[in-house]
């Protein structure tokens, strides 16, 4: 039985979109994006809509990175730059 790595992503600019596309292409039983964070709520909405459009679980959304880090569902954090 595999453990699913639950990932949080801080910063949802263009680099994050590319990274998230790669993560979405991986098997859901290997990793799952459980939370995203950005100061720009429009970016958060755009990313969440991409998850919905691909029939994936929509991650928790934050505008404060400290709340993402405190989320017990997040095991690893990516900060795409």
Protein backbone atom coordinates (compact mmCIF):
# COMPACT_ATOMS: atom_id res chain seq x y z
CA UNK A 1 0.00 0.00 0.00
CA UNK A 2 1.37 3.39 -1.03
CA UNK A 3 1.22 6.51 1.07
CA UNK A 4 -0.20 9.51 -0.73
CA UNK A 5 1.96 12.63 -0.42
CA UNK A 6 -0.32 15.57 0.32
CA UNK A 7 1.07 18.77 -1.17
CA UNK A 8 0.46 22.46 -0.59
CA UNK A 9 1.48 25.07 -3.14
CA UNK A 10 2.30 28.65 -2.16
CA UNK A 11 2.24 31.15 -5.02
CA UNK A 12 0.01 30.50 -8.03
CA UNK A 13 1.68 32.41 -10.84
CA UNK A 14 2.58 31.03 -14.28
CA UNK A 15 5.31 28.73 -12.93
CA UNK A 16 2.84 27.22 -10.47
CA UNK A 17 0.36 26.52 -13.27
CA UNK A 18 3.00 24.45 -15.09
CA UNK A 19 3.97 22.64 -11.89
CA UNK A 20 0.34 21.92 -11.02
CA UNK A 21 -0.28 20.52 -14.51
CA UNK A 22 2.58 18.09 -13.91
CA UNK A 23 1.25 17.14 -10.47
CA UNK A 24 -2.25 16.59 -11.88
CA UNK A 25 -0.83 14.19 -14.46
CA UNK A 26 0.60 11.93 -11.72
CA UNK A 27 -1.53 9.09 -10.35
CA UNK A 28 -3.84 10.30 -7.58
CA UNK A 29 -2.67 7.42 -5.43
CA UNK A 30 0.87 8.90 -5.37
CA UNK A 31 0.34 12.58 -4.65
CA UNK A 32 -2.51 14.98 -4.15
CA UNK A 33 -2.59 18.76 -4.02
CA UNK A 34 -4.57 19.42 -0.87
CA UNK A 35 -4.03 23.18 -0.47
CA UNK A 36 -3.07 26.24 -2.48
CA UNK A 37 -2.20 29.77 -1.43
CA UNK A 38 -1.85 33.14 -3.12
CA UNK A 39 -2.56 36.74 -2.17
CA UNK A 40 -4.48 37.15 -5.43
CA UNK A 41 -7.91 35.55 -5.05
CA UNK A 42 -8.40 35.55 -8.83
CA UNK A 43 -5.41 33.21 -9.19
CA UNK A 44 -6.84 30.95 -6.50
CA UNK A 45 -10.19 30.83 -8.28
CA UNK A 46 -8.50 30.07 -11.62
CA UNK A 47 -6.53 27.15 -10.15
CA UNK A 48 -9.55 25.74 -8.30
CA UNK A 49 -11.58 25.90 -11.52
CA UNK A 50 -8.87 23.89 -13.30
CA UNK A 51 -9.18 21.19 -10.64
CA UNK A 52 -12.98 21.19 -11.03
CA UNK A 53 -12.73 20.99 -14.82
CA UNK A 54 -10.48 17.92 -14.49
CA UNK A 55 -12.86 16.24 -12.00
CA UNK A 56 -10.25 16.38 -9.24
CA UNK A 57 -10.74 17.21 -5.58
CA UNK A 58 -10.52 20.97 -5.21
CA UNK A 59 -7.75 21.90 -2.77
CA UNK A 60 -8.28 24.08 0.28
CA UNK A 61 -7.56 27.71 -0.63
CA UNK A 62 -5.71 30.26 1.47
CA UNK A 63 -4.49 33.83 1.13
CA UNK A 64 -2.23 33.45 4.19
CA UNK A 65 0.66 31.03 3.76
CA UNK A 66 0.82 30.45 7.53
CA UNK A 67 -2.63 28.89 7.43
CA UNK A 68 -1.57 26.57 4.60
CA UNK A 69 1.49 25.48 6.55
CA UNK A 70 -0.69 24.83 9.63
CA UNK A 71 -3.16 22.72 7.62
CA UNK A 72 -2.86 19.13 8.94
CA UNK A 73 -3.65 17.79 5.44
CA UNK A 74 -0.41 19.29 4.05
CA UNK A 75 2.69 17.09 4.28
CA UNK A 76 4.94 18.94 1.84
CA UNK A 77 5.00 22.51 0.55
CA UNK A 78 6.11 23.67 -2.89
CA UNK A 79 6.93 27.30 -3.61
CA UNK A 80 7.33 27.62 -7.38
CA UNK A 81 9.51 30.54 -8.45
